[in-house]
N, C-alpha and C. Protein backbone atom coordinates (compact mmCIF):
# COMPACT_ATOMS: atom_id res chain seq x y z
N UNK A 1 -17.71 -11.15 4.31
CA UNK A 1 -18.87 -11.33 5.16
C UNK A 1 -20.08 -11.56 4.27
N UNK A 2 -20.92 -12.47 4.70
CA UNK A 2 -22.20 -12.69 4.03
C UNK A 2 -23.30 -12.48 5.05
N UNK A 3 -24.40 -11.93 4.58
CA UNK A 3 -25.55 -11.68 5.44
C UNK A 3 -26.73 -12.50 4.93
N UNK A 4 -27.39 -13.18 5.86
CA UNK A 4 -28.60 -13.90 5.49
C UNK A 4 -29.57 -13.84 6.67
N UNK A 5 -30.76 -14.33 6.44
CA UNK A 5 -31.76 -14.33 7.50
C UNK A 5 -31.69 -15.63 8.27
N UNK A 6 -31.53 -15.52 9.57
CA UNK A 6 -31.56 -16.70 10.42
C UNK A 6 -32.99 -17.22 10.51
N UNK A 7 -33.93 -16.29 10.77
CA UNK A 7 -35.35 -16.65 10.88
C UNK A 7 -36.18 -15.37 10.91
N UNK A 8 -37.48 -15.55 10.92
CA UNK A 8 -38.41 -14.44 11.13
C UNK A 8 -38.78 -14.42 12.61
N UNK A 9 -39.02 -13.24 13.13
CA UNK A 9 -39.43 -13.09 14.51
C UNK A 9 -40.95 -13.24 14.62
N UNK A 10 -41.47 -13.15 15.83
CA UNK A 10 -42.92 -13.23 16.03
C UNK A 10 -43.65 -12.19 15.19
N UNK A 11 -43.11 -10.98 15.12
CA UNK A 11 -43.74 -9.89 14.36
C UNK A 11 -43.42 -9.95 12.86
N UNK A 12 -42.64 -10.93 12.44
CA UNK A 12 -42.29 -11.06 11.03
C UNK A 12 -41.05 -10.27 10.63
N UNK A 13 -40.33 -9.75 11.61
CA UNK A 13 -39.07 -9.06 11.32
C UNK A 13 -37.97 -10.07 11.07
N UNK A 14 -36.96 -9.64 10.36
CA UNK A 14 -35.83 -10.51 10.07
C UNK A 14 -34.84 -10.52 11.23
N UNK A 15 -34.40 -11.70 11.60
CA UNK A 15 -33.28 -11.84 12.55
C UNK A 15 -32.08 -12.21 11.68
N UNK A 16 -31.16 -11.28 11.57
CA UNK A 16 -30.02 -11.45 10.66
C UNK A 16 -28.95 -12.37 11.22
N UNK A 17 -28.29 -13.05 10.31
CA UNK A 17 -27.13 -13.87 10.61
C UNK A 17 -26.01 -13.41 9.68
N UNK A 18 -24.88 -13.05 10.27
CA UNK A 18 -23.71 -12.67 9.49
C UNK A 18 -22.70 -13.81 9.56
N UNK A 19 -22.11 -14.15 8.43
CA UNK A 19 -21.09 -15.19 8.38
C UNK A 19 -19.79 -14.52 7.95
N UNK A 20 -18.77 -14.65 8.78
CA UNK A 20 -17.47 -14.04 8.51
C UNK A 20 -16.44 -15.15 8.44
N UNK A 21 -15.78 -15.25 7.31
CA UNK A 21 -14.70 -16.21 7.09
C UNK A 21 -14.02 -15.84 5.79
N UNK A 22 -12.98 -16.56 5.42
CA UNK A 22 -12.37 -16.39 4.11
C UNK A 22 -13.11 -17.31 3.16
N UNK A 23 -13.91 -16.74 2.28
CA UNK A 23 -14.77 -17.52 1.39
C UNK A 23 -14.06 -18.01 0.14
N UNK A 24 -12.91 -17.45 -0.19
CA UNK A 24 -12.20 -17.83 -1.41
C UNK A 24 -11.65 -19.24 -1.37
N UNK A 25 -11.70 -19.85 -0.21
CA UNK A 25 -11.16 -21.20 -0.04
C UNK A 25 -12.12 -22.24 -0.60
N UNK A 26 -11.63 -23.46 -0.69
CA UNK A 26 -12.43 -24.59 -1.10
C UNK A 26 -13.59 -24.77 -0.11
N UNK A 27 -14.81 -24.98 -0.60
CA UNK A 27 -15.98 -25.10 0.26
C UNK A 27 -15.84 -26.20 1.29
N UNK A 28 -15.27 -27.32 0.91
CA UNK A 28 -15.08 -28.43 1.86
C UNK A 28 -14.11 -28.04 2.98
N UNK A 29 -13.10 -27.26 2.63
CA UNK A 29 -12.14 -26.80 3.63
C UNK A 29 -12.82 -25.84 4.60
N UNK A 30 -13.67 -24.96 4.07
CA UNK A 30 -14.39 -24.01 4.91
C UNK A 30 -15.30 -24.76 5.89
N UNK A 31 -15.97 -25.81 5.43
CA UNK A 31 -16.87 -26.59 6.28
C UNK A 31 -16.14 -27.28 7.44
N UNK A 32 -14.86 -27.54 7.27
CA UNK A 32 -14.08 -28.22 8.31
C UNK A 32 -13.58 -27.28 9.40
N UNK A 33 -13.69 -25.98 9.16
CA UNK A 33 -13.22 -25.02 10.15
C UNK A 33 -14.05 -25.08 11.43
N UNK A 34 -13.41 -24.82 12.54
CA UNK A 34 -14.13 -24.71 13.81
C UNK A 34 -15.00 -23.46 13.76
N UNK A 35 -16.12 -23.52 14.44
CA UNK A 35 -17.07 -22.42 14.43
C UNK A 35 -17.02 -21.58 15.69
N UNK A 36 -17.34 -20.33 15.51
CA UNK A 36 -17.50 -19.39 16.62
C UNK A 36 -18.86 -18.73 16.42
N UNK A 37 -19.69 -18.72 17.45
CA UNK A 37 -21.00 -18.07 17.38
C UNK A 37 -21.02 -16.93 18.40
N UNK A 38 -21.39 -15.74 17.92
CA UNK A 38 -21.46 -14.56 18.78
C UNK A 38 -22.85 -13.96 18.60
N UNK A 39 -23.52 -13.68 19.72
CA UNK A 39 -24.83 -13.04 19.62
C UNK A 39 -24.89 -11.83 20.54
N UNK A 40 -25.86 -10.98 20.27
CA UNK A 40 -25.99 -9.75 21.03
C UNK A 40 -27.43 -9.29 21.07
N UNK A 41 -27.72 -8.41 21.96
CA UNK A 41 -29.00 -7.70 22.07
C UNK A 41 -30.18 -8.62 22.36
N UNK A 42 -29.98 -9.54 23.30
CA UNK A 42 -31.08 -10.38 23.77
C UNK A 42 -32.07 -9.51 24.55
N UNK A 43 -31.53 -8.64 25.40
CA UNK A 43 -32.36 -7.69 26.13
C UNK A 43 -32.37 -6.38 25.35
N UNK A 44 -33.53 -5.97 24.86
CA UNK A 44 -33.61 -4.78 24.00
C UNK A 44 -33.06 -3.51 24.62
N UNK A 45 -33.15 -3.37 25.93
CA UNK A 45 -32.70 -2.15 26.59
C UNK A 45 -31.20 -2.03 26.76
N UNK A 46 -30.46 -3.07 26.41
CA UNK A 46 -29.00 -3.03 26.58
C UNK A 46 -28.35 -2.51 25.29
N UNK A 47 -28.52 -1.23 25.06
CA UNK A 47 -28.06 -0.63 23.81
C UNK A 47 -26.55 -0.66 23.65
N UNK A 48 -25.83 -0.66 24.75
CA UNK A 48 -24.37 -0.69 24.66
C UNK A 48 -23.85 -1.92 23.92
N UNK A 49 -24.61 -3.01 23.96
CA UNK A 49 -24.17 -4.22 23.27
C UNK A 49 -24.13 -4.04 21.76
N UNK A 50 -24.95 -3.15 21.22
CA UNK A 50 -24.90 -2.88 19.77
C UNK A 50 -23.58 -2.21 19.40
N UNK A 51 -23.09 -1.34 20.25
CA UNK A 51 -21.80 -0.69 19.99
C UNK A 51 -20.65 -1.70 20.09
N UNK A 52 -20.76 -2.60 21.06
CA UNK A 52 -19.74 -3.66 21.19
C UNK A 52 -19.76 -4.56 19.95
N UNK A 53 -20.95 -4.92 19.49
CA UNK A 53 -21.07 -5.79 18.32
C UNK A 53 -20.51 -5.10 17.08
N UNK A 54 -20.76 -3.80 16.93
CA UNK A 54 -20.21 -3.07 15.79
C UNK A 54 -18.69 -3.12 15.81
N UNK A 55 -18.11 -2.97 16.99
CA UNK A 55 -16.65 -3.05 17.12
C UNK A 55 -16.12 -4.43 16.75
N UNK A 56 -16.82 -5.47 17.18
CA UNK A 56 -16.42 -6.84 16.83
C UNK A 56 -16.48 -7.05 15.32
N UNK A 57 -17.58 -6.63 14.71
CA UNK A 57 -17.74 -6.81 13.26
C UNK A 57 -16.69 -6.00 12.51
N UNK A 58 -16.50 -4.75 12.89
CA UNK A 58 -15.49 -3.91 12.23
C UNK A 58 -14.11 -4.56 12.30
N UNK A 59 -13.78 -5.12 13.45
CA UNK A 59 -12.48 -5.77 13.60
C UNK A 59 -12.40 -7.01 12.70
N UNK A 60 -13.41 -7.86 12.76
CA UNK A 60 -13.36 -9.13 12.02
C UNK A 60 -13.30 -8.95 10.51
N UNK A 61 -13.90 -7.90 9.99
CA UNK A 61 -13.86 -7.68 8.53
C UNK A 61 -12.73 -6.72 8.13
N UNK A 62 -11.97 -6.28 9.10
CA UNK A 62 -10.90 -5.32 8.85
C UNK A 62 -9.63 -5.95 8.30
N UNK A 63 -8.64 -5.11 8.02
CA UNK A 63 -7.42 -5.55 7.34
C UNK A 63 -6.31 -6.09 8.24
N UNK A 64 -6.50 -6.12 9.56
CA UNK A 64 -5.40 -6.51 10.45
C UNK A 64 -5.03 -7.98 10.26
N UNK A 65 -3.79 -8.28 10.61
CA UNK A 65 -3.29 -9.67 10.51
C UNK A 65 -4.11 -10.59 11.42
N UNK A 66 -4.43 -10.13 12.63
CA UNK A 66 -5.22 -10.94 13.56
C UNK A 66 -6.59 -11.28 13.00
N UNK A 67 -7.26 -10.30 12.40
CA UNK A 67 -8.58 -10.53 11.81
C UNK A 67 -8.47 -11.50 10.63
N UNK A 68 -7.44 -11.33 9.83
CA UNK A 68 -7.25 -12.22 8.67
C UNK A 68 -7.00 -13.66 9.13
N UNK A 69 -6.23 -13.82 10.20
CA UNK A 69 -5.98 -15.16 10.73
C UNK A 69 -7.27 -15.79 11.25
N UNK A 70 -8.10 -15.00 11.92
CA UNK A 70 -9.38 -15.52 12.40
C UNK A 70 -10.26 -15.95 11.22
N UNK A 71 -10.33 -15.12 10.19
CA UNK A 71 -11.15 -15.46 9.00
C UNK A 71 -10.62 -16.68 8.28
N UNK A 72 -9.30 -16.84 8.23
CA UNK A 72 -8.70 -17.98 7.53
C UNK A 72 -8.88 -19.29 8.28
N UNK A 73 -9.06 -19.23 9.59
CA UNK A 73 -9.06 -20.45 10.40
C UNK A 73 -10.40 -20.80 11.05
N UNK A 74 -11.34 -19.87 11.04
CA UNK A 74 -12.62 -20.10 11.71
C UNK A 74 -13.78 -19.70 10.82
N UNK A 75 -14.92 -20.29 11.08
CA UNK A 75 -16.19 -19.90 10.48
C UNK A 75 -16.95 -19.18 11.59
N UNK A 76 -17.08 -17.87 11.47
CA UNK A 76 -17.65 -17.05 12.54
C UNK A 76 -19.07 -16.67 12.15
N UNK A 77 -20.02 -17.02 13.00
CA UNK A 77 -21.42 -16.70 12.75
C UNK A 77 -21.89 -15.75 13.83
N UNK A 78 -22.47 -14.63 13.39
CA UNK A 78 -22.84 -13.55 14.29
C UNK A 78 -24.33 -13.25 14.16
N UNK A 79 -25.01 -13.20 15.29
CA UNK A 79 -26.39 -12.74 15.34
C UNK A 79 -26.34 -11.40 16.07
N UNK A 80 -26.33 -10.28 15.34
CA UNK A 80 -26.11 -8.99 15.97
C UNK A 80 -27.27 -8.51 16.85
N UNK A 81 -28.49 -9.01 16.58
CA UNK A 81 -29.63 -8.59 17.38
C UNK A 81 -30.59 -9.77 17.52
N UNK A 82 -30.57 -10.42 18.68
CA UNK A 82 -31.39 -11.61 18.91
C UNK A 82 -32.86 -11.25 19.09
N UNK A 83 -33.15 -10.05 19.57
CA UNK A 83 -34.51 -9.66 19.90
C UNK A 83 -34.92 -8.38 19.17
N UNK A 84 -34.96 -8.41 17.82
CA UNK A 84 -35.31 -7.18 17.11
C UNK A 84 -36.73 -6.69 17.41
N UNK A 85 -37.67 -7.58 17.66
CA UNK A 85 -39.03 -7.15 18.00
C UNK A 85 -39.04 -6.32 19.27
N UNK A 86 -38.30 -6.76 20.27
CA UNK A 86 -38.23 -6.01 21.53
C UNK A 86 -37.62 -4.63 21.33
N UNK A 87 -36.59 -4.55 20.49
CA UNK A 87 -35.94 -3.26 20.21
C UNK A 87 -36.91 -2.34 19.47
N UNK A 88 -37.56 -2.86 18.44
CA UNK A 88 -38.48 -2.05 17.63
C UNK A 88 -39.64 -1.52 18.48
N UNK A 89 -40.12 -2.35 19.42
CA UNK A 89 -41.28 -1.97 20.23
C UNK A 89 -40.92 -1.27 21.54
N UNK A 90 -39.64 -1.04 21.78
CA UNK A 90 -39.22 -0.28 22.95
C UNK A 90 -39.23 -1.05 24.26
N UNK A 91 -39.22 -2.37 24.19
CA UNK A 91 -39.13 -3.16 25.42
C UNK A 91 -37.74 -3.01 26.02
N UNK A 92 -37.63 -3.29 27.30
CA UNK A 92 -36.31 -3.23 27.91
C UNK A 92 -35.73 -4.61 28.19
N UNK A 93 -36.58 -5.60 28.40
CA UNK A 93 -36.07 -6.90 28.80
C UNK A 93 -36.65 -8.08 28.02
N UNK A 94 -37.88 -7.97 27.55
CA UNK A 94 -38.56 -9.16 27.01
C UNK A 94 -38.86 -9.04 25.52
N UNK A 95 -39.29 -10.18 24.97
CA UNK A 95 -39.70 -10.25 23.57
C UNK A 95 -41.19 -9.96 23.48
N UNK A 96 -41.76 -10.08 22.29
CA UNK A 96 -43.19 -9.85 22.15
C UNK A 96 -44.03 -10.94 22.81
N UNK A 97 -43.43 -12.09 23.09
CA UNK A 97 -44.16 -13.14 23.80
C UNK A 97 -44.16 -12.89 25.30
N UNK A 98 -43.52 -11.81 25.74
CA UNK A 98 -43.47 -11.48 27.17
C UNK A 98 -42.40 -12.24 27.93
N UNK A 99 -41.50 -12.89 27.20
CA UNK A 99 -40.45 -13.71 27.82
C UNK A 99 -39.10 -13.02 27.79
N UNK A 100 -38.34 -13.26 28.84
CA UNK A 100 -36.92 -12.92 28.81
C UNK A 100 -36.27 -14.07 28.04
N UNK A 101 -35.78 -13.80 26.85
CA UNK A 101 -35.26 -14.86 25.98
C UNK A 101 -34.05 -15.58 26.57
N UNK A 102 -33.38 -14.98 27.54
CA UNK A 102 -32.27 -15.68 28.20
C UNK A 102 -32.77 -16.81 29.09
N UNK A 103 -34.05 -16.86 29.37
CA UNK A 103 -34.60 -17.87 30.27
C UNK A 103 -35.24 -19.06 29.53
N UNK A 104 -35.15 -19.11 28.21
CA UNK A 104 -35.84 -20.18 27.45
C UNK A 104 -34.89 -21.08 26.67
N UNK A 105 -33.60 -21.01 26.95
CA UNK A 105 -32.61 -21.77 26.18
C UNK A 105 -32.79 -23.29 26.30
N UNK A 106 -33.27 -23.77 27.43
CA UNK A 106 -33.40 -25.22 27.61
C UNK A 106 -34.43 -25.80 26.65
N UNK A 107 -35.59 -25.16 26.55
CA UNK A 107 -36.63 -25.65 25.65
C UNK A 107 -37.28 -24.49 24.90
N UNK A 108 -36.60 -23.89 23.93
CA UNK A 108 -37.23 -22.79 23.18
C UNK A 108 -38.34 -23.32 22.27
N UNK A 109 -39.39 -22.55 22.17
CA UNK A 109 -40.52 -22.89 21.32
C UNK A 109 -40.37 -22.16 19.99
N UNK A 110 -40.55 -22.89 18.90
CA UNK A 110 -40.32 -22.30 17.58
C UNK A 110 -41.27 -21.13 17.27
N UNK A 111 -42.45 -21.11 17.89
CA UNK A 111 -43.42 -20.03 17.64
C UNK A 111 -43.22 -18.86 18.61
N UNK A 112 -42.98 -19.15 19.89
CA UNK A 112 -42.85 -18.10 20.90
C UNK A 112 -41.44 -17.53 21.02
N UNK A 113 -40.44 -18.33 20.68
CA UNK A 113 -39.04 -17.91 20.82
C UNK A 113 -38.25 -18.30 19.57
N UNK A 114 -38.67 -17.86 18.39
CA UNK A 114 -38.05 -18.34 17.15
C UNK A 114 -36.56 -18.05 17.05
N UNK A 115 -36.12 -16.91 17.54
CA UNK A 115 -34.69 -16.60 17.40
C UNK A 115 -33.83 -17.54 18.25
N UNK A 116 -34.25 -17.80 19.48
CA UNK A 116 -33.49 -18.71 20.34
C UNK A 116 -33.54 -20.12 19.77
N UNK A 117 -34.70 -20.54 19.30
CA UNK A 117 -34.85 -21.87 18.70
C UNK A 117 -33.87 -22.06 17.54
N UNK A 118 -33.80 -21.06 16.66
CA UNK A 118 -32.92 -21.17 15.48
C UNK A 118 -31.44 -21.00 15.82
N UNK A 119 -31.12 -20.18 16.81
CA UNK A 119 -29.72 -20.05 17.24
C UNK A 119 -29.25 -21.37 17.84
N UNK A 120 -30.10 -21.98 18.65
CA UNK A 120 -29.74 -23.25 19.26
C UNK A 120 -29.54 -24.33 18.18
N UNK A 121 -30.39 -24.34 17.16
CA UNK A 121 -30.22 -25.29 16.05
C UNK A 121 -28.93 -24.99 15.30
N UNK A 122 -28.61 -23.73 15.11
CA UNK A 122 -27.37 -23.34 14.44
C UNK A 122 -26.15 -23.85 15.21
N UNK A 123 -26.19 -23.72 16.51
CA UNK A 123 -25.06 -24.16 17.34
C UNK A 123 -24.90 -25.67 17.28
N UNK A 124 -26.02 -26.39 17.29
CA UNK A 124 -25.95 -27.86 17.22
C UNK A 124 -25.36 -28.28 15.89
């Protein structure tokens, strides 16, 4: 697993991106793998999703044959917390821009909805 920053949030917090795959392979071979994108915690008040995400990550980096097959055949990109500003500030539904980030996917603004904007670019 590799961890990097997807983008900065409105408040300047890091929105993390985790990449899970078998990295020992040839880089060109890795680039040809089909991608899987998993995100969580769009609504800050949905704390249960953090526990679900931890379970997913633990499984994907674990020693099981199923996890190894997933890592060998897919490039898995995980955004464990889409709305860190909302979580840090104790919001239940919205970001610091006052938006429910699930409602801006069609036209996210890079300044008001940076995490959605960058996730959408990642998927494309």
